[in-house]
């Protein structure tokens, strides 16, 4: 394993992030504050508790997951698409590095950025609601796994995308709706039985449920299913990336 190559790619991507630190911090803090004003104050005033938790606190895991998933996907997709767009990816492909080292550098940087933003949102939430994290280690583990898995998905999107518009296509039209419909701002137990069954086909449900369990000790689905879902999704992404580098699909186009 060429750790120098991994570190070089990682540092290059992180420097781009720190150059826009103000935007990276202000945007999630502002959007989180707006969500708390709209959902926490306006809607929360009509909903006392959800599963024994105040509504303002209940939506915190969903808000964090929404930002983490979209940020990890967007950062990773842009990170690998830009070298492909300007042609420097050929230098990367001709260098003595394998696909694991390339993926580790880009995905590691994207996951780090998303993790940082997720923690910023968590700190911001403490200014609006009282939160007690029941399982802090599990919370951090779920957060890291989600950052890594969706950064892997973003890497695939960056390879697939043919233009800058396609980079935002899946985050906006697929991931964001799945998060909103995946119990991020409500418990799926509040839905009619038919819609509960349909919602269980949404893979994001298992991630949000497991993450919420780490906060409040309650979940819509079993914690074992949540762990299996994120492990399966991560393995699927890694397998697909391996196939991309093996076949050269979209890399040289």
Protein backbone atom coordinates (compact mmCIF):
# COMPACT_ATOMS: atom_id res chain seq x y z
CA UNK A 1 0.00 0.00 0.00
CA UNK A 2 1.45 3.35 -1.11
CA UNK A 3 0.57 5.59 1.84
CA UNK A 4 2.45 8.54 0.33
CA UNK A 5 0.10 8.50 -2.67
CA UNK A 6 -2.97 8.29 -0.41
CA UNK A 7 -1.73 11.14 1.74
CA UNK A 8 -0.90 13.33 -1.28
CA UNK A 9 -4.38 12.95 -2.77
CA UNK A 10 -5.99 13.42 0.64
CA UNK A 11 -4.07 16.63 1.44
CA UNK A 12 -4.72 18.06 -2.03
CA UNK A 13 -8.47 17.57 -1.60
CA UNK A 14 -8.50 18.88 1.97
CA UNK A 15 -6.65 22.07 0.97
CA UNK A 16 -9.44 22.83 -1.48
CA UNK A 17 -11.90 22.40 1.37
CA UNK A 18 -10.02 24.75 3.70
CA UNK A 19 -9.83 27.42 1.00
CA UNK A 20 -13.63 27.64 1.19
CA UNK A 21 -13.87 27.18 4.95
CA UNK A 22 -16.23 30.11 5.44
CA UNK A 23 -18.74 28.74 2.95
CA UNK A 24 -18.33 25.25 4.36
CA UNK A 25 -19.20 26.45 7.86
CA UNK A 26 -21.78 29.15 7.23
CA UNK A 27 -23.97 27.11 4.87
CA UNK A 28 -24.66 24.12 7.17
CA UNK A 29 -25.09 26.33 10.26
CA UNK A 30 -27.53 28.61 8.46
CA UNK A 31 -29.53 25.78 6.90
CA UNK A 32 -29.69 23.92 10.23
CA UNK A 33 -30.92 27.05 11.98
CA UNK A 34 -33.64 27.48 9.34
CA UNK A 35 -34.73 23.87 9.75
CA UNK A 36 -35.05 24.36 13.49
CA UNK A 37 -37.06 27.54 12.99
CA UNK A 38 -39.43 25.92 10.49
CA UNK A 39 -39.67 22.36 11.80
CA UNK A 40 -38.68 22.78 15.42
CA UNK A 41 -40.63 25.96 16.21
CA UNK A 42 -43.55 26.01 13.75
CA UNK A 43 -44.28 22.29 13.48
CA UNK A 44 -42.76 21.33 16.83
CA UNK A 45 -45.21 23.61 18.64
CA UNK A 46 -48.01 21.32 17.40
CA UNK A 47 -46.18 18.05 18.14
CA UNK A 48 -45.18 17.58 21.77
CA UNK A 49 -43.20 14.34 21.55
CA UNK A 50 -42.30 11.56 19.16
CA UNK A 51 -41.49 8.23 20.84
CA UNK A 52 -40.94 10.03 24.12
CA UNK A 53 -38.53 12.59 22.63
CA UNK A 54 -39.28 16.28 22.04
CA UNK A 55 -39.82 16.95 18.34
CA UNK A 56 -37.02 19.51 18.19
CA UNK A 57 -34.52 16.93 19.45
CA UNK A 58 -36.09 14.12 17.39
CA UNK A 59 -35.25 15.78 14.06
CA UNK A 60 -31.56 16.34 14.91
CA UNK A 61 -30.32 12.92 13.65
CA UNK A 62 -32.32 13.37 10.44
CA UNK A 63 -30.87 16.83 9.85
CA UNK A 64 -27.34 15.53 10.34
CA UNK A 65 -27.93 12.56 8.03
CA UNK A 66 -29.42 14.82 5.34
CA UNK A 67 -26.36 17.07 5.30
CA UNK A 68 -23.80 14.29 5.69
CA UNK A 69 -25.19 12.17 2.87
CA UNK A 70 -25.46 15.03 0.40
CA UNK A 71 -22.10 16.59 1.34
CA UNK A 72 -20.19 13.29 1.21
CA UNK A 73 -21.71 12.46 -2.18
CA UNK A 74 -21.13 15.92 -3.67
CA UNK A 75 -17.56 16.29 -2.41
CA UNK A 76 -16.45 12.87 -3.63
CA UNK A 77 -18.16 13.20 -7.02
CA UNK A 78 -16.61 16.61 -7.71
CA UNK A 79 -13.21 15.46 -6.42
CA UNK A 80 -12.85 12.71 -9.00
CA UNK A 81 -14.83 14.37 -11.81
CA UNK A 82 -12.67 17.51 -11.94
CA UNK A 83 -9.41 15.63 -12.80
CA UNK A 84 -11.41 13.75 -15.43
CA UNK A 85 -12.78 17.03 -16.80
CA UNK A 86 -9.38 18.78 -17.14
CA UNK A 87 -7.51 15.63 -18.20
CA UNK A 88 -5.16 15.24 -15.21
CA UNK A 89 -6.72 11.87 -14.40
CA UNK A 90 -4.36 10.33 -16.99
CA UNK A 91 -1.42 11.33 -14.81
CA UNK A 92 -3.11 9.58 -11.90
CA UNK A 93 -3.78 6.45 -13.94
CA UNK A 94 -0.17 6.29 -15.17
CA UNK A 95 1.25 6.70 -11.66
CA UNK A 96 2.36 3.62 -9.68
CA UNK A 97 -0.81 3.52 -7.54
CA UNK A 98 -3.66 1.00 -7.51
CA UNK A 99 -7.36 1.70 -7.35
CA UNK A 100 -7.53 1.20 -3.57
CA UNK A 101 -5.01 3.99 -3.01
CA UNK A 102 -6.82 6.35 -5.38
CA UNK A 103 -10.17 5.61 -3.76
CA UNK A 104 -8.75 5.90 -0.24
CA UNK A 105 -7.37 9.37 -0.98
CA UNK A 106 -10.47 10.86 -2.61
CA UNK A 107 -13.06 9.06 -0.50
CA UNK A 108 -11.12 9.69 2.71
CA UNK A 109 -11.03 13.43 2.03
CA UNK A 110 -14.73 13.58 1.09
CA UNK A 111 -15.70 11.57 4.17
CA UNK A 112 -13.59 13.83 6.40
CA UNK A 113 -15.31 16.95 5.03
CA UNK A 114 -18.77 15.44 5.53
CA UNK A 115 -17.86 14.29 9.05
CA UNK A 116 -16.66 17.78 9.94
CA UNK A 117 -19.89 19.32 8.66
CA UNK A 118 -21.96 16.73 10.52
CA UNK A 119 -20.20 17.58 13.78
CA UNK A 120 -20.71 21.31 13.13
CA UNK A 121 -24.44 20.71 12.69
CA UNK A 122 -24.53 18.65 15.89
CA UNK A 123 -22.87 21.47 17.84
CA UNK A 124 -25.30 23.96 16.28
CA UNK A 125 -28.24 21.80 17.38
CA UNK A 126 -27.18 22.13 21.04
CA UNK A 127 -27.97 25.85 20.83
CA UNK A 128 -31.60 25.10 19.91
CA UNK A 129 -32.59 21.95 21.80
CA UNK A 130 -31.45 19.82 24.73
CA UNK A 131 -29.88 16.62 23.44
CA UNK A 132 -28.49 13.69 25.35
CA UNK A 133 -26.61 11.13 23.27
CA UNK A 134 -27.34 7.71 24.70
CA UNK A 135 -24.59 5.88 22.79
CA UNK A 136 -21.89 8.41 21.76
CA UNK A 137 -19.44 5.80 20.41
CA UNK A 138 -22.15 4.17 18.31
CA UNK A 139 -23.25 7.62 17.12
CA UNK A 140 -19.74 8.45 15.94
CA UNK A 141 -19.36 5.02 14.32
CA UNK A 142 -22.64 5.39 12.40
CA UNK A 143 -21.63 8.89 11.34
CA UNK A 144 -18.23 7.76 10.04
CA UNK A 145 -19.69 4.74 8.23
CA UNK A 146 -22.34 6.91 6.57
CA UNK A 147 -19.72 9.45 5.48
CA UNK A 148 -17.53 6.72 3.96
CA UNK A 149 -20.35 4.83 2.24
CA UNK A 150 -21.87 7.91 0.61
CA UNK A 151 -18.43 9.22 -0.35
CA UNK A 152 -17.96 5.91 -2.18
CA UNK A 153 -21.30 6.49 -3.91
CA UNK A 154 -20.18 10.01 -4.82
CA UNK A 155 -16.96 8.62 -6.30
CA UNK A 156 -19.04 6.38 -8.56
CA UNK A 157 -21.23 9.33 -9.58
CA UNK A 158 -18.12 11.38 -10.39
CA UNK A 159 -16.86 8.64 -12.70
CA UNK A 160 -20.29 8.25 -14.31
CA UNK A 161 -21.08 11.94 -14.78
CA UNK A 162 -20.56 13.42 -18.23
CA UNK A 163 -21.04 17.06 -17.19
CA UNK A 164 -21.36 19.24 -14.11
CA UNK A 165 -25.16 19.08 -14.16
CA UNK A 166 -25.10 15.31 -13.75
CA UNK A 167 -22.95 15.66 -10.63
CA UNK A 168 -25.96 17.16 -8.81
CA UNK A 169 -28.58 14.97 -10.44
CA UNK A 170 -28.51 12.04 -8.02
CA UNK A 171 -27.93 14.06 -4.79
CA UNK A 172 -30.87 16.35 -5.62
CA UNK A 173 -33.30 13.96 -7.28
CA UNK A 174 -32.52 10.70 -5.47
CA UNK A 175 -30.71 11.10 -2.15
CA UNK A 176 -32.55 14.16 -0.81
CA UNK A 177 -36.05 12.74 -1.50
CA UNK A 178 -35.06 9.38 0.00
CA UNK A 179 -33.86 11.14 3.17
CA UNK A 180 -37.07 13.17 3.48
CA UNK A 181 -39.17 10.04 2.92
CA UNK A 182 -36.94 7.88 5.11
CA UNK A 183 -38.17 9.03 8.51
CA UNK A 184 -35.74 11.90 8.96
CA UNK A 185 -38.42 14.24 10.35
CA UNK A 186 -40.94 11.68 11.59
CA UNK A 187 -41.18 8.12 12.87
CA UNK A 188 -42.41 5.64 10.30
CA UNK A 189 -44.63 4.19 13.04
CA UNK A 190 -46.76 7.32 12.53
CA UNK A 191 -47.61 6.18 8.99
CA UNK A 192 -50.50 3.90 8.00
CA UNK A 193 -49.52 0.19 7.88
CA UNK A 194 -49.39 0.12 4.06
CA UNK A 195 -47.00 3.08 3.89
CA UNK A 196 -44.89 1.62 6.69
CA UNK A 197 -44.33 -1.49 4.57
CA UNK A 198 -43.52 0.61 1.49
CA UNK A 199 -41.12 2.83 3.45
CA UNK A 200 -39.08 -0.19 4.52
CA UNK A 201 -37.93 -0.52 0.89
CA UNK A 202 -36.17 2.83 1.29
CA UNK A 203 -32.53 1.98 2.23
CA UNK A 204 -32.05 5.35 3.93
CA UNK A 205 -34.60 4.33 6.58
CA UNK A 206 -32.13 1.85 8.07
CA UNK A 207 -29.31 4.39 8.25
CA UNK A 208 -31.43 7.11 9.89
CA UNK A 209 -33.04 4.60 12.25
CA UNK A 210 -29.68 3.29 13.46
CA UNK A 211 -28.29 6.79 13.84
CA UNK A 212 -31.37 7.90 15.82
CA UNK A 213 -31.01 4.84 18.06
CA UNK A 214 -27.52 6.01 19.02
CA UNK A 215 -29.07 9.27 20.24
CA UNK A 216 -32.26 8.17 21.99
CA UNK A 217 -32.10 4.38 22.28
CA UNK A 218 -35.21 3.96 20.09
CA UNK A 219 -35.37 2.93 16.43
CA UNK A 220 -37.91 2.16 13.73
CA UNK A 221 -36.00 -0.98 12.70
CA UNK A 222 -33.59 -3.27 14.53
CA UNK A 223 -30.06 -2.03 15.06
CA UNK A 224 -28.74 -5.24 13.49
CA UNK A 225 -30.61 -4.51 10.26
CA UNK A 226 -29.20 -0.97 10.23
CA UNK A 227 -25.63 -2.26 10.56
CA UNK A 228 -26.19 -4.88 7.88
CA UNK A 229 -27.68 -2.28 5.51
CA UNK A 230 -24.75 0.13 5.76
CA UNK A 231 -22.19 -2.70 5.54
CA UNK A 232 -23.91 -4.15 2.46
CA UNK A 233 -24.13 -0.73 0.80
CA UNK A 234 -20.44 -0.03 1.46
CA UNK A 235 -19.37 -3.42 0.10
CA UNK A 236 -21.55 -2.92 -2.98
CA UNK A 237 -19.94 0.45 -3.72
CA UNK A 238 -16.41 -0.91 -3.26
CA UNK A 239 -17.19 -3.82 -5.58
CA UNK A 240 -18.57 -1.51 -8.25
CA UNK A 241 -15.53 0.80 -8.03
CA UNK A 242 -13.22 -2.21 -8.40
CA UNK A 243 -15.13 -3.15 -11.57
CA UNK A 244 -14.82 0.43 -12.89
CA UNK A 245 -11.03 0.42 -12.56
CA UNK A 246 -10.76 -3.10 -13.92
CA UNK A 247 -12.75 -2.32 -17.07
CA UNK A 248 -11.90 1.39 -17.41
CA UNK A 249 -15.62 2.24 -17.67
CA UNK A 250 -16.09 6.00 -18.09
CA UNK A 251 -12.61 6.76 -16.74
CA UNK A 252 -11.02 7.42 -20.12
CA UNK A 253 -14.06 9.04 -21.70
